[in-house]
Amino acid sequence: MDFIRAIVNNSDLITDEEVNKFWAEVQELEDADQLDEDAFDRIAKRVEGRNIINYRLIVGAENLMRVRLFLELAKEGKNIPATYVKGMQPAIEMLDDIVSAGPGFVQLLKVLHKRAQKTG
């Protein structure tokens, strides 16, 4: 969300390099109490914003906000309105195509998922 908001508002974007530099500075601190308590929350939100932007590769940029809201509601276990589900439709269709192609393709998806979990 912060990533999209930054693009729309022509704000500065936080790059991975800047995050890595920040973490290096954090590790150099002698006293962890020097950190702002909310700093980690702000960093987590920025990283989450960068991750959500990758969904555009699957669902398209026009559905990005719907997907973000879909994921938030799903994680909270709440009912998801049809408009948000519609935003996930390209991803659902992709998954359906993989399942329809047969068990070999489903197995490939499982392997890909395991690899993604190891890197994330």
Protein backbone atom coordinates (compact mmCIF):
# COMPACT_ATOMS: atom_id res chain seq x y z
CA MET A 1 0.00 0.00 0.00
CA ASP A 2 2.81 2.41 0.87
CA PHE A 3 4.46 1.57 -2.43
CA ILE A 4 1.33 2.40 -4.42
CA ARG A 5 0.67 5.52 -2.36
CA ALA A 6 4.25 6.66 -2.96
CA ILE A 7 3.84 6.24 -6.70
CA VAL A 8 0.53 8.09 -6.78
CA ASN A 9 1.80 10.93 -4.56
CA ASN A 10 5.24 11.12 -6.22
CA SER A 11 6.83 10.40 -2.84
CA ASP A 12 10.20 8.82 -2.21
CA LEU A 13 10.33 5.05 -2.55
CA ILE A 14 12.28 2.95 -0.07
CA THR A 15 14.55 0.50 -1.88
CA ASP A 16 15.85 -2.84 -0.67
CA GLU A 17 19.32 -1.29 -0.56
CA GLU A 18 18.10 1.36 1.88
CA VAL A 19 16.47 -1.30 4.05
CA ASN A 20 19.69 -3.33 4.08
CA LYS A 21 21.65 -0.23 5.03
CA PHE A 22 19.19 0.45 7.85
CA TRP A 23 19.55 -3.12 9.17
CA ALA A 24 23.33 -2.77 9.11
CA GLU A 25 23.02 0.39 11.20
CA VAL A 26 20.64 -1.35 13.60
CA GLN A 27 23.11 -4.18 14.11
CA GLU A 28 25.85 -1.66 14.93
CA LEU A 29 23.81 -0.13 17.77
CA GLU A 30 25.14 -0.98 21.19
CA ASP A 31 21.77 -0.55 22.87
CA ALA A 32 18.61 -1.85 21.24
CA ASP A 33 16.59 0.61 23.37
CA GLN A 34 17.86 3.37 21.09
CA LEU A 35 15.36 2.18 18.49
CA ASP A 36 11.95 3.68 18.11
CA GLU A 37 9.40 1.03 19.18
CA ASP A 38 7.34 1.58 16.04
CA ALA A 39 10.32 1.36 13.69
CA PHE A 40 9.95 -2.37 13.14
CA ASP A 41 6.22 -2.00 12.42
CA ARG A 42 6.93 0.68 9.83
CA ILE A 43 9.56 -1.49 8.17
CA ALA A 44 7.21 -4.49 8.10
CA LYS A 45 4.49 -2.40 6.44
CA ARG A 46 6.92 -1.20 3.76
CA VAL A 47 8.13 -4.71 3.03
CA GLU A 48 4.52 -5.93 2.88
CA GLY A 49 3.78 -3.13 0.41
CA ARG A 50 6.61 -4.28 -1.80
CA ASN A 51 5.35 -7.85 -1.68
CA ILE A 52 1.79 -6.90 -2.60
CA ILE A 53 3.01 -5.09 -5.71
CA ASN A 54 4.17 -8.46 -7.09
CA TYR A 55 0.53 -9.52 -7.33
CA ARG A 56 0.14 -7.14 -10.27
CA LEU A 57 2.11 -9.63 -12.35
CA ILE A 58 -0.72 -12.13 -11.86
CA VAL A 59 -3.90 -10.08 -11.40
CA GLY A 60 -3.00 -6.86 -13.20
CA ALA A 61 -2.48 -3.39 -11.80
CA GLU A 62 -6.19 -2.56 -11.98
CA ASN A 63 -6.97 -5.30 -9.41
CA LEU A 64 -4.12 -4.58 -6.99
CA MET A 65 -6.13 -2.74 -4.34
CA ARG A 66 -8.88 -5.38 -4.43
CA VAL A 67 -6.28 -8.09 -3.93
CA ARG A 68 -4.74 -6.27 -0.97
CA LEU A 69 -8.12 -5.98 0.71
CA PHE A 70 -8.95 -9.60 -0.21
CA LEU A 71 -5.76 -10.80 1.50
CA GLU A 72 -6.32 -8.67 4.60
CA LEU A 73 -9.85 -9.99 5.07
CA ALA A 74 -8.79 -13.58 4.36
CA LYS A 75 -5.99 -13.40 6.95
CA GLU A 76 -8.49 -12.10 9.50
CA GLY A 77 -10.94 -14.89 8.64
CA LYS A 78 -13.66 -12.43 7.64
CA ASN A 79 -16.20 -12.63 4.85
CA ILE A 80 -14.88 -11.34 1.55
CA PRO A 81 -17.12 -9.17 -0.64
CA ALA A 82 -17.63 -10.25 -4.25
CA THR A 83 -15.77 -7.21 -5.62
CA TYR A 84 -12.59 -8.26 -3.82
CA VAL A 85 -12.99 -11.85 -4.99
CA LYS A 86 -13.36 -10.51 -8.54
CA GLY A 87 -9.95 -8.87 -8.13
CA MET A 88 -8.45 -12.28 -7.41
CA GLN A 89 -10.21 -13.86 -10.40
CA PRO A 90 -7.07 -13.98 -12.63
CA ALA A 91 -5.15 -15.83 -9.90
CA ILE A 92 -8.08 -18.18 -9.29
CA GLU A 93 -8.31 -18.91 -13.03
CA MET A 94 -4.56 -19.56 -13.15
CA LEU A 95 -4.85 -22.03 -10.29
CA ASP A 96 -7.86 -23.68 -11.94
CA ASP A 97 -5.91 -24.05 -15.21
CA ILE A 98 -3.05 -25.73 -13.34
CA VAL A 99 -5.41 -28.13 -11.57
CA SER A 100 -7.26 -28.87 -14.81
CA ALA A 101 -3.97 -29.68 -16.57
CA GLY A 102 -3.49 -32.68 -14.31
CA PRO A 103 -1.60 -34.00 -11.31
CA GLY A 104 1.83 -33.42 -12.86
CA PHE A 105 1.20 -29.69 -13.05
CA VAL A 106 -0.23 -29.65 -9.52
CA GLN A 107 2.94 -31.35 -8.30
CA LEU A 108 5.06 -28.72 -10.10
CA LEU A 109 3.06 -26.02 -8.33
CA LYS A 110 3.68 -27.71 -4.97
CA VAL A 111 7.42 -27.86 -5.67
CA LEU A 112 7.43 -24.20 -6.66
CA HIS A 113 5.54 -23.34 -3.48
CA LYS A 114 8.09 -25.16 -1.31
CA ARG A 115 10.95 -23.33 -3.05
CA ALA A 116 9.20 -20.00 -2.51
CA GLN A 117 8.74 -20.76 1.20
CA LYS A 118 12.46 -21.43 1.59
CA THR A 119 13.43 -18.11 0.01
CA GLY A 120 10.84 -16.03 1.89
